[in-house]
Full PDB file with SEQRES, HELIX, SHEET, SSBOND, CRYST1, ORIGX, SCALE, CONECT and MASTER records, all heavy atoms in Angstrom:
SEQRES   1 A   38  ARG ASP ALA ASP ARG LEU GLU ALA VAL GLN VAL THR ALA          
SEQRES   2 A   38  THR LEU VAL PRO GLU ASP SER ALA LYS ILE ALA SER PRO          
SEQRES   3 A   38  VAL VAL VAL VAL GLY PRO GLU LYS LEU HIS GLN ALA              
HELIX    1 AA1 ASP A    2  ASP A    4  5                                   3    
HELIX    2 AA2 PRO A   32  GLN A   37  1                                   6    
CRYST1    1.000    1.000    1.000  90.00  90.00  90.00 P 1           1          
ORIGX1      1.000000  0.000000  0.000000        0.00000                         
ORIGX2      0.000000  1.000000  0.000000        0.00000                         
ORIGX3      0.000000  0.000000  1.000000        0.00000                         
SCALE1      1.000000  0.000000  0.000000        0.00000                         
SCALE2      0.000000  1.000000  0.000000        0.00000                         
SCALE3      0.000000  0.000000  1.000000        0.00000                         
ATOM      1  N   ARG A   1     -43.987 -64.488-281.130  1.00  0.00           N  
ATOM      2  CA  ARG A   1     -45.367 -64.054-281.055  1.00  0.00           C  
ATOM      3  C   ARG A   1     -46.345 -65.200-281.208  1.00  0.00           C  
ATOM      4  O   ARG A   1     -47.507 -65.095-280.814  1.00  0.00           O  
ATOM      5  CB  ARG A   1     -45.634 -62.999-282.116  1.00  0.00           C  
ATOM      6  CG  ARG A   1     -45.468 -63.468-283.556  1.00  0.00           C  
ATOM      7  CD  ARG A   1     -45.499 -62.260-284.496  1.00  0.00           C  
ATOM      8  NE  ARG A   1     -45.171 -62.633-285.870  1.00  0.00           N  
ATOM      9  CZ  ARG A   1     -46.084 -62.851-286.811  1.00  0.00           C  
ATOM     10  NH1 ARG A   1     -47.358 -62.791-286.511  1.00  0.00           N  
ATOM     11  NH2 ARG A   1     -45.711 -63.161-288.041  1.00  0.00           N  
ATOM     12  N   ASP A   2     -45.907 -66.332-281.779  1.00  0.00           N  
ATOM     13  CA  ASP A   2     -46.822 -67.454-281.946  1.00  0.00           C  
ATOM     14  C   ASP A   2     -47.297 -68.026-280.616  1.00  0.00           C  
ATOM     15  O   ASP A   2     -48.300 -68.730-280.569  1.00  0.00           O  
ATOM     16  CB  ASP A   2     -46.164 -68.571-282.769  1.00  0.00           C  
ATOM     17  CG  ASP A   2     -45.972 -68.156-284.221  1.00  0.00           C  
ATOM     18  OD1 ASP A   2     -46.734 -67.292-284.683  1.00  0.00           O  
ATOM     19  OD2 ASP A   2     -45.073 -68.713-284.871  1.00  0.00           O  
ATOM     20  N   ALA A   3     -46.579 -67.713-279.529  1.00  0.00           N  
ATOM     21  CA  ALA A   3     -46.972 -68.248-278.219  1.00  0.00           C  
ATOM     22  C   ALA A   3     -48.314 -67.724-277.770  1.00  0.00           C  
ATOM     23  O   ALA A   3     -48.994 -68.344-276.960  1.00  0.00           O  
ATOM     24  CB  ALA A   3     -45.909 -67.895-277.188  1.00  0.00           C  
ATOM     25  N   ASP A   4     -48.728 -66.565-278.274  1.00  0.00           N  
ATOM     26  CA  ASP A   4     -49.979 -65.955-277.798  1.00  0.00           C  
ATOM     27  C   ASP A   4     -51.034 -65.861-278.891  1.00  0.00           C  
ATOM     28  O   ASP A   4     -51.986 -65.105-278.775  1.00  0.00           O  
ATOM     29  CB  ASP A   4     -49.697 -64.558-277.238  1.00  0.00           C  
ATOM     30  CG  ASP A   4     -48.934 -64.625-275.943  1.00  0.00           C  
ATOM     31  OD1 ASP A   4     -49.268 -65.467-275.120  1.00  0.00           O  
ATOM     32  OD2 ASP A   4     -47.993 -63.841-275.780  1.00  0.00           O  
ATOM     33  N   ARG A   5     -50.898 -66.611-279.982  1.00  0.00           N  
ATOM     34  CA  ARG A   5     -51.875 -66.520-281.050  1.00  0.00           C  
ATOM     35  C   ARG A   5     -53.194 -67.183-280.649  1.00  0.00           C  
ATOM     36  O   ARG A   5     -53.227 -68.079-279.834  1.00  0.00           O  
ATOM     37  CB  ARG A   5     -51.310 -67.164-282.321  1.00  0.00           C  
ATOM     38  CG  ARG A   5     -50.197 -66.360-282.957  1.00  0.00           C  
ATOM     39  CD  ARG A   5     -49.492 -67.158-284.023  1.00  0.00           C  
ATOM     40  NE  ARG A   5     -50.354 -67.445-285.166  1.00  0.00           N  
ATOM     41  CZ  ARG A   5     -50.480 -66.639-286.208  1.00  0.00           C  
ATOM     42  NH1 ARG A   5     -49.823 -65.495-286.240  1.00  0.00           N  
ATOM     43  NH2 ARG A   5     -51.260 -66.963-287.215  1.00  0.00           N  
ATOM     44  N   LEU A   6     -54.275 -66.718-281.272  1.00  0.00           N  
ATOM     45  CA  LEU A   6     -55.597 -67.187-280.896  1.00  0.00           C  
ATOM     46  C   LEU A   6     -55.779 -68.684-281.132  1.00  0.00           C  
ATOM     47  O   LEU A   6     -56.561 -69.344-280.437  1.00  0.00           O  
ATOM     48  CB  LEU A   6     -56.674 -66.422-281.689  1.00  0.00           C  
ATOM     49  CG  LEU A   6     -56.881 -64.947-281.305  1.00  0.00           C  
ATOM     50  CD1 LEU A   6     -57.795 -64.287-282.312  1.00  0.00           C  
ATOM     51  CD2 LEU A   6     -57.465 -64.847-279.922  1.00  0.00           C  
ATOM     52  N   GLU A   7     -55.062 -69.247-282.123  1.00  0.00           N  
ATOM     53  CA  GLU A   7     -55.303 -70.634-282.479  1.00  0.00           C  
ATOM     54  C   GLU A   7     -54.385 -71.586-281.744  1.00  0.00           C  
ATOM     55  O   GLU A   7     -54.205 -72.721-282.161  1.00  0.00           O  
ATOM     56  CB  GLU A   7     -55.147 -70.823-284.001  1.00  0.00           C  
ATOM     57  CG  GLU A   7     -53.726 -70.787-284.534  1.00  0.00           C  
ATOM     58  CD  GLU A   7     -53.183 -69.383-284.704  1.00  0.00           C  
ATOM     59  OE1 GLU A   7     -53.751 -68.446-284.150  1.00  0.00           O  
ATOM     60  OE2 GLU A   7     -52.175 -69.228-285.395  1.00  0.00           O  
ATOM     61  N   ALA A   8     -53.800 -71.153-280.632  1.00  0.00           N  
ATOM     62  CA  ALA A   8     -52.864 -72.011-279.894  1.00  0.00           C  
ATOM     63  C   ALA A   8     -53.531 -73.297-279.426  1.00  0.00           C  
ATOM     64  O   ALA A   8     -54.730 -73.362-279.186  1.00  0.00           O  
ATOM     65  CB  ALA A   8     -52.310 -71.240-278.699  1.00  0.00           C  
ATOM     66  N   VAL A   9     -52.731 -74.340-279.257  1.00  0.00           N  
ATOM     67  CA  VAL A   9     -53.233 -75.630-278.800  1.00  0.00           C  
ATOM     68  C   VAL A   9     -53.650 -75.523-277.337  1.00  0.00           C  
ATOM     69  O   VAL A   9     -52.968 -74.917-276.509  1.00  0.00           O  
ATOM     70  CB  VAL A   9     -52.151 -76.705-278.992  1.00  0.00           C  
ATOM     71  CG1 VAL A   9     -52.588 -78.012-278.328  1.00  0.00           C  
ATOM     72  CG2 VAL A   9     -51.872 -76.917-280.467  1.00  0.00           C  
ATOM     73  N   GLN A  10     -54.793 -76.115-277.005  1.00  0.00           N  
ATOM     74  CA  GLN A  10     -55.324 -76.059-275.650  1.00  0.00           C  
ATOM     75  C   GLN A  10     -55.842 -77.442-275.278  1.00  0.00           C  
ATOM     76  O   GLN A  10     -56.035 -78.306-276.139  1.00  0.00           O  
ATOM     77  CB  GLN A  10     -56.424 -75.014-275.544  1.00  0.00           C  
ATOM     78  CG  GLN A  10     -57.579 -75.195-276.536  1.00  0.00           C  
ATOM     79  CD  GLN A  10     -58.540 -76.309-276.153  1.00  0.00           C  
ATOM     80  OE1 GLN A  10     -58.936 -76.404-274.986  1.00  0.00           O  
ATOM     81  NE2 GLN A  10     -58.881 -77.166-277.090  1.00  0.00           N  
ATOM     82  N   VAL A  11     -56.070 -77.647-273.971  1.00  0.00           N  
ATOM     83  CA  VAL A  11     -56.607 -78.927-273.490  1.00  0.00           C  
ATOM     84  C   VAL A  11     -57.866 -78.740-272.649  1.00  0.00           C  
ATOM     85  O   VAL A  11     -58.537 -79.715-272.318  1.00  0.00           O  
ATOM     86  CB  VAL A  11     -55.556 -79.683-272.628  1.00  0.00           C  
ATOM     87  CG1 VAL A  11     -54.342 -80.035-273.461  1.00  0.00           C  
ATOM     88  CG2 VAL A  11     -55.164 -78.879-271.400  1.00  0.00           C  
ATOM     89  N   THR A  12     -58.218 -77.509-272.302  1.00  0.00           N  
ATOM     90  CA  THR A  12     -59.289 -77.272-271.346  1.00  0.00           C  
ATOM     91  C   THR A  12     -60.665 -77.570-271.928  1.00  0.00           C  
ATOM     92  O   THR A  12     -61.531 -78.126-271.243  1.00  0.00           O  
ATOM     93  CB  THR A  12     -59.241 -75.817-270.845  1.00  0.00           C  
ATOM     94  OG1 THR A  12     -57.950 -75.565-270.289  1.00  0.00           O  
ATOM     95  CG2 THR A  12     -60.290 -75.571-269.788  1.00  0.00           C  
ATOM     96  N   ALA A  13     -60.915 -77.231-273.182  1.00  0.00           N  
ATOM     97  CA  ALA A  13     -62.272 -77.350-273.752  1.00  0.00           C  
ATOM     98  C   ALA A  13     -62.683 -78.786-274.013  1.00  0.00           C  
ATOM     99  O   ALA A  13     -63.857 -79.132-273.868  1.00  0.00           O  
ATOM    100  CB  ALA A  13     -62.363 -76.529-275.026  1.00  0.00           C  
ATOM    101  N   THR A  14     -61.728 -79.645-274.432  1.00  0.00           N  
ATOM    102  CA  THR A  14     -62.084 -81.022-274.817  1.00  0.00           C  
ATOM    103  C   THR A  14     -61.317 -82.073-274.041  1.00  0.00           C  
ATOM    104  O   THR A  14     -61.452 -83.280-274.334  1.00  0.00           O  
ATOM    105  CB  THR A  14     -61.851 -81.227-276.323  1.00  0.00           C  
ATOM    106  OG1 THR A  14     -60.472 -80.949-276.623  1.00  0.00           O  
ATOM    107  CG2 THR A  14     -62.722 -80.310-277.143  1.00  0.00           C  
ATOM    108  N   LEU A  15     -60.472 -81.664-273.120  1.00  0.00           N  
ATOM    109  CA  LEU A  15     -59.678 -82.546-272.248  1.00  0.00           C  
ATOM    110  C   LEU A  15     -58.535 -83.228-272.974  1.00  0.00           C  
ATOM    111  O   LEU A  15     -57.801 -84.013-272.356  1.00  0.00           O  
ATOM    112  CB  LEU A  15     -60.569 -83.617-271.579  1.00  0.00           C  
ATOM    113  CG  LEU A  15     -61.703 -83.084-270.709  1.00  0.00           C  
ATOM    114  CD1 LEU A  15     -62.504 -84.240-270.115  1.00  0.00           C  
ATOM    115  CD2 LEU A  15     -61.198 -82.174-269.617  1.00  0.00           C  
ATOM    116  N   VAL A  16     -58.376 -82.989-274.258  1.00  0.00           N  
ATOM    117  CA  VAL A  16     -57.221 -83.514-275.020  1.00  0.00           C  
ATOM    118  C   VAL A  16     -56.626 -82.361-275.793  1.00  0.00           C  
ATOM    119  O   VAL A  16     -57.310 -81.393-276.119  1.00  0.00           O  
ATOM    120  CB  VAL A  16     -57.642 -84.652-275.976  1.00  0.00           C  
ATOM    121  CG1 VAL A  16     -58.148 -85.851-275.207  1.00  0.00           C  
ATOM    122  CG2 VAL A  16     -58.692 -84.167-276.963  1.00  0.00           C  
ATOM    123  N   PRO A  17     -55.327 -82.414-276.107  1.00  0.00           N  
ATOM    124  CA  PRO A  17     -54.700 -81.318-276.864  1.00  0.00           C  
ATOM    125  C   PRO A  17     -55.385 -81.137-278.219  1.00  0.00           C  
ATOM    126  O   PRO A  17     -55.546 -82.090-278.998  1.00  0.00           O  
ATOM    127  CB  PRO A  17     -53.253 -81.772-277.042  1.00  0.00           C  
ATOM    128  CG  PRO A  17     -53.029 -82.748-275.915  1.00  0.00           C  
ATOM    129  CD  PRO A  17     -54.333 -83.428-275.716  1.00  0.00           C  
ATOM    130  N   GLU A  18     -55.795 -79.899-278.505  1.00  0.00           N  
ATOM    131  CA  GLU A  18     -56.506 -79.637-279.757  1.00  0.00           C  
ATOM    132  C   GLU A  18     -56.361 -78.179-280.125  1.00  0.00           C  
ATOM    133  O   GLU A  18     -56.308 -77.296-279.251  1.00  0.00           O  
ATOM    134  CB  GLU A  18     -57.985 -80.001-279.625  1.00  0.00           C  
ATOM    135  CG  GLU A  18     -58.720 -79.955-280.930  1.00  0.00           C  
ATOM    136  CD  GLU A  18     -60.103 -80.620-280.857  1.00  0.00           C  
ATOM    137  OE1 GLU A  18     -60.483 -81.060-279.748  1.00  0.00           O  
ATOM    138  OE2 GLU A  18     -60.758 -80.714-281.891  1.00  0.00           O  
ATOM    139  N   ASP A  19     -56.298 -77.904-281.424  1.00  0.00           N  
ATOM    140  CA  ASP A  19     -56.213 -76.549-281.939  1.00  0.00           C  
ATOM    141  C   ASP A  19     -57.522 -75.823-281.639  1.00  0.00           C  
ATOM    142  O   ASP A  19     -58.580 -76.223-282.081  1.00  0.00           O  
ATOM    143  CB  ASP A  19     -55.971 -76.593-283.454  1.00  0.00           C  
ATOM    144  CG  ASP A  19     -55.614 -75.245-284.032  1.00  0.00           C  
ATOM    145  OD1 ASP A  19     -55.990 -74.243-283.448  1.00  0.00           O  
ATOM    146  OD2 ASP A  19     -54.947 -75.230-285.084  1.00  0.00           O  
ATOM    147  N   SER A  20     -57.444 -74.724-280.868  1.00  0.00           N  
ATOM    148  CA  SER A  20     -58.658 -74.020-280.456  1.00  0.00           C  
ATOM    149  C   SER A  20     -59.359 -73.353-281.631  1.00  0.00           C  
ATOM    150  O   SER A  20     -60.536 -72.999-281.527  1.00  0.00           O  
ATOM    151  CB  SER A  20     -58.334 -72.984-279.366  1.00  0.00           C  
ATOM    152  OG  SER A  20     -57.445 -71.994-279.873  1.00  0.00           O  
ATOM    153  N   ALA A  21     -58.670 -73.171-282.756  1.00  0.00           N  
ATOM    154  CA  ALA A  21     -59.317 -72.566-283.919  1.00  0.00           C  
ATOM    155  C   ALA A  21     -60.304 -73.521-284.578  1.00  0.00           C  
ATOM    156  O   ALA A  21     -61.173 -73.093-285.338  1.00  0.00           O  
ATOM    157  CB  ALA A  21     -58.259 -72.137-284.938  1.00  0.00           C  
ATOM    158  N   LYS A  22     -60.210 -74.813-284.301  1.00  0.00           N  
ATOM    159  CA  LYS A  22     -61.033 -75.804-284.997  1.00  0.00           C  
ATOM    160  C   LYS A  22     -62.247 -76.254-284.186  1.00  0.00           C  
ATOM    161  O   LYS A  22     -63.093 -76.994-284.721  1.00  0.00           O  
ATOM    162  CB  LYS A  22     -60.191 -77.027-285.367  1.00  0.00           C  
ATOM    163  CG  LYS A  22     -59.070 -76.695-286.357  1.00  0.00           C  
ATOM    164  CD  LYS A  22     -58.260 -77.920-286.683  1.00  0.00           C  
ATOM    165  CE  LYS A  22     -57.129 -77.584-287.675  1.00  0.00           C  
ATOM    166  NZ  LYS A  22     -56.296 -78.774-288.013  1.00  0.00           N  
ATOM    167  N   ILE A  23     -62.351 -75.854-282.947  1.00  0.00           N  
ATOM    168  CA  ILE A  23     -63.466 -76.300-282.107  1.00  0.00           C  
ATOM    169  C   ILE A  23     -64.457 -75.161-281.912  1.00  0.00           C  
ATOM    170  O   ILE A  23     -64.152 -73.988-282.161  1.00  0.00           O  
ATOM    171  CB  ILE A  23     -62.974 -76.812-280.752  1.00  0.00           C  
ATOM    172  CG1 ILE A  23     -62.256 -75.700-279.980  1.00  0.00           C  
ATOM    173  CG2 ILE A  23     -62.091 -78.023-280.915  1.00  0.00           C  
ATOM    174  CD1 ILE A  23     -61.853 -76.094-278.579  1.00  0.00           C  
ATOM    175  N   ALA A  24     -65.676 -75.502-281.488  1.00  0.00           N  
ATOM    176  CA  ALA A  24     -66.713 -74.493-281.334  1.00  0.00           C  
ATOM    177  C   ALA A  24     -66.504 -73.609-280.123  1.00  0.00           C  
ATOM    178  O   ALA A  24     -66.882 -72.435-280.112  1.00  0.00           O  
ATOM    179  CB  ALA A  24     -68.088 -75.182-281.246  1.00  0.00           C  
ATOM    180  N   SER A  25     -65.894 -74.139-279.079  1.00  0.00           N  
ATOM    181  CA  SER A  25     -65.756 -73.398-277.813  1.00  0.00           C  
ATOM    182  C   SER A  25     -64.869 -72.187-277.966  1.00  0.00           C  
ATOM    183  O   SER A  25     -63.830 -72.248-278.640  1.00  0.00           O  
ATOM    184  CB  SER A  25     -65.195 -74.315-276.728  1.00  0.00           C  
ATOM    185  OG  SER A  25     -66.042 -75.411-276.494  1.00  0.00           O  
ATOM    186  N   PRO A  26     -65.238 -71.058-277.328  1.00  0.00           N  
ATOM    187  CA  PRO A  26     -64.373 -69.874-277.352  1.00  0.00           C  
ATOM    188  C   PRO A  26     -63.250 -70.014-276.329  1.00  0.00           C  
ATOM    189  O   PRO A  26     -63.485 -69.946-275.117  1.00  0.00           O  
ATOM    190  CB  PRO A  26     -65.325 -68.738-276.996  1.00  0.00           C  
ATOM    191  CG  PRO A  26     -66.428 -69.397-276.213  1.00  0.00           C  
ATOM    192  CD  PRO A  26     -66.531 -70.800-276.687  1.00  0.00           C  
ATOM    193  N   VAL A  27     -62.032 -70.203-276.816  1.00  0.00           N  
ATOM    194  CA  VAL A  27     -60.871 -70.402-275.965  1.00  0.00           C  
ATOM    195  C   VAL A  27     -59.754 -69.470-276.396  1.00  0.00           C  
ATOM    196  O   VAL A  27     -59.500 -69.307-277.574  1.00  0.00           O  
ATOM    197  CB  VAL A  27     -60.352 -71.856-276.028  1.00  0.00           C  
ATOM    198  CG1 VAL A  27     -59.225 -72.071-275.031  1.00  0.00           C  
ATOM    199  CG2 VAL A  27     -61.473 -72.840-275.783  1.00  0.00           C  
ATOM    200  N   VAL A  28     -59.108 -68.852-275.440  1.00  0.00           N  
ATOM    201  CA  VAL A  28     -57.912 -68.061-275.709  1.00  0.00           C  
ATOM    202  C   VAL A  28     -56.774 -68.606-274.836  1.00  0.00           C  
ATOM    203  O   VAL A  28     -56.986 -68.898-273.646  1.00  0.00           O  
ATOM    204  CB  VAL A  28     -58.122 -66.570-275.432  1.00  0.00           C  
ATOM    205  CG1 VAL A  28     -56.801 -65.815-275.494  1.00  0.00           C  
ATOM    206  CG2 VAL A  28     -59.090 -65.976-276.438  1.00  0.00           C  
ATOM    207  N   VAL A  29     -55.604 -68.770-275.426  1.00  0.00           N  
ATOM    208  CA  VAL A  29     -54.430 -69.232-274.703  1.00  0.00           C  
ATOM    209  C   VAL A  29     -53.487 -68.042-274.491  1.00  0.00           C  
ATOM    210  O   VAL A  29     -53.098 -67.377-275.453  1.00  0.00           O  
ATOM    211  CB  VAL A  29     -53.709 -70.347-275.469  1.00  0.00           C  
ATOM    212  CG1 VAL A  29     -52.456 -70.792-274.722  1.00  0.00           C  
ATOM    213  CG2 VAL A  29     -54.651 -71.521-275.699  1.00  0.00           C  
ATOM    214  N   VAL A  30     -53.156 -67.786-273.235  1.00  0.00           N  
ATOM    215  CA  VAL A  30     -52.179 -66.726-272.904  1.00  0.00           C  
ATOM    216  C   VAL A  30     -50.847 -67.405-272.685  1.00  0.00           C  
ATOM    217  O   VAL A  30     -50.702 -68.262-271.804  1.00  0.00           O  
ATOM    218  CB  VAL A  30     -52.622 -65.963-271.647  1.00  0.00           C  
ATOM    219  CG1 VAL A  30     -51.593 -64.908-271.286  1.00  0.00           C  
ATOM    220  CG2 VAL A  30     -53.988 -65.324-271.849  1.00  0.00           C  
ATOM    221  N   GLY A  31     -49.860 -67.019-273.483  1.00  0.00           N  
ATOM    222  CA  GLY A  31     -48.555 -67.658-273.433  1.00  0.00           C  
ATOM    223  C   GLY A  31     -47.647 -67.087-272.379  1.00  0.00           C  
ATOM    224  O   GLY A  31     -47.993 -66.121-271.665  1.00  0.00           O  
ATOM    225  N   PRO A  32     -46.425 -67.640-272.243  1.00  0.00           N  
ATOM    226  CA  PRO A  32     -45.532 -67.272-271.147  1.00  0.00           C  
ATOM    227  C   PRO A  32     -45.077 -65.817-271.213  1.00  0.00           C  
ATOM    228  O   PRO A  32     -44.864 -65.200-270.160  1.00  0.00           O  
ATOM    229  CB  PRO A  32     -44.353 -68.235-271.307  1.00  0.00           C  
ATOM    230  CG  PRO A  32     -44.432 -68.735-272.712  1.00  0.00           C  
ATOM    231  CD  PRO A  32     -45.888 -68.734-273.064  1.00  0.00           C  
ATOM    232  N   GLU A  33     -44.916 -65.241-272.410  1.00  0.00           N  
ATOM    233  CA  GLU A  33     -44.433 -63.865-272.480  1.00  0.00           C  
ATOM    234  C   GLU A  33     -45.361 -62.910-271.757  1.00  0.00           C  
ATOM    235  O   GLU A  33     -44.951 -62.096-270.921  1.00  0.00           O  
ATOM    236  CB  GLU A  33     -44.250 -63.424-273.936  1.00  0.00           C  
ATOM    237  CG  GLU A  33     -43.742 -62.010-274.039  1.00  0.00           C  
ATOM    238  CD  GLU A  33     -43.539 -61.549-275.466  1.00  0.00           C  
ATOM    239  OE1 GLU A  33     -43.922 -62.310-276.393  1.00  0.00           O  
ATOM    240  OE2 GLU A  33     -43.021 -60.452-275.673  1.00  0.00           O  
ATOM    241  N   LYS A  34     -46.668 -62.990-272.039  1.00  0.00           N  
ATOM    242  CA  LYS A  34     -47.617 -62.095-271.394  1.00  0.00           C  
ATOM    243  C   LYS A  34     -47.775 -62.426-269.913  1.00  0.00           C  
ATOM    244  O   LYS A  34     -47.915 -61.517-269.081  1.00  0.00           O  
ATOM    245  CB  LYS A  34     -48.968 -62.182-272.112  1.00  0.00           C  
ATOM    246  CG  LYS A  34     -49.933 -61.078-271.720  1.00  0.00           C  
ATOM    247  CD  LYS A  34     -51.152 -61.085-272.602  1.00  0.00           C  
ATOM    248  CE  LYS A  34     -52.085 -59.923-272.232  1.00  0.00           C  
ATOM    249  NZ  LYS A  34     -53.297 -59.899-273.102  1.00  0.00           N  
ATOM    250  N   LEU A  35     -47.748 -63.695-269.565  1.00  0.00           N  
ATOM    251  CA  LEU A  35     -47.848 -64.081-268.164  1.00  0.00           C  
ATOM    252  C   LEU A  35     -46.698 -63.486-267.349  1.00  0.00           C  
ATOM    253  O   LEU A  35     -46.905 -62.989-266.231  1.00  0.00           O  
ATOM    254  CB  LEU A  35     -47.822 -65.608-268.028  1.00  0.00           C  
ATOM    255  CG  LEU A  35     -49.089 -66.360-268.419  1.00  0.00           C  
ATOM    256  CD1 LEU A  35     -48.802 -67.842-268.529  1.00  0.00           C  
ATOM    257  CD2 LEU A  35     -50.181 -66.117-267.376  1.00  0.00           C  
ATOM    258  N   HIS A  36     -45.490 -63.520-267.890  1.00  0.00           N  
ATOM    259  CA  HIS A  36     -44.335 -63.065-267.145  1.00  0.00           C  
ATOM    260  C   HIS A  36     -44.191 -61.560-267.084  1.00  0.00           C  
ATOM    261  O   HIS A  36     -43.393 -61.029-266.329  1.00  0.00           O  
ATOM    262  CB  HIS A  36     -43.065 -63.710-267.730  1.00  0.00           C  
ATOM    263  CG  HIS A  36     -43.093 -65.201-267.704  1.00  0.00           C  
ATOM    264  ND1 HIS A  36     -42.275 -65.980-268.493  1.00  0.00           N  
ATOM    265  CD2 HIS A  36     -43.854 -66.075-266.985  1.00  0.00           C  
ATOM    266  CE1 HIS A  36     -42.528 -67.258-268.272  1.00  0.00           C  
ATOM    267  NE2 HIS A  36     -43.478 -67.336-267.361  1.00  0.00           N  
ATOM    268  N   GLN A  37     -45.003 -60.852-267.894  1.00  0.00           N  
ATOM    269  CA  GLN A  37     -45.009 -59.392-267.820  1.00  0.00           C  
ATOM    270  C   GLN A  37     -45.984 -58.861-266.777  1.00  0.00           C  
ATOM    271  O   GLN A  37     -45.956 -57.690-266.450  1.00  0.00           O  
ATOM    272  CB  GLN A  37     -45.373 -58.809-269.185  1.00  0.00           C  
ATOM    273  CG  GLN A  37     -44.280 -58.960-270.234  1.00  0.00           C  
ATOM    274  CD  GLN A  37     -44.727 -58.508-271.612  1.00  0.00           C  
ATOM    275  OE1 GLN A  37     -45.932 -58.288-271.841  1.00  0.00           O  
ATOM    276  NE2 GLN A  37     -43.801 -58.372-272.528  1.00  0.00           N  
ATOM    277  N   ALA A  38     -46.865 -59.724-266.262  1.00  0.00           N  
ATOM    278  CA  ALA A  38     -47.830 -59.292-265.263  1.00  0.00           C  
ATOM    279  C   ALA A  38     -47.083 -58.768-264.034  1.00  0.00           C  
ATOM    280  O   ALA A  38     -46.143 -59.396-263.547  1.00  0.00           O  
ATOM    281  CB  ALA A  38     -48.745 -60.450-264.872  1.00  0.00           C  
TER     282      ALA A  38                                                      
MASTER        0    0    0    2    0    0    0    6  281    1    0    3          
END                                                                             
């Protein structure tokens, strides 16, 4: 379940890997489990 948690690491908001829980931008990471159920 950690693959889809709100605080997942992302690169889109700041162009470098960063914990989305620590930055101001609203970012959600959708992990492989949910993607593959589409």
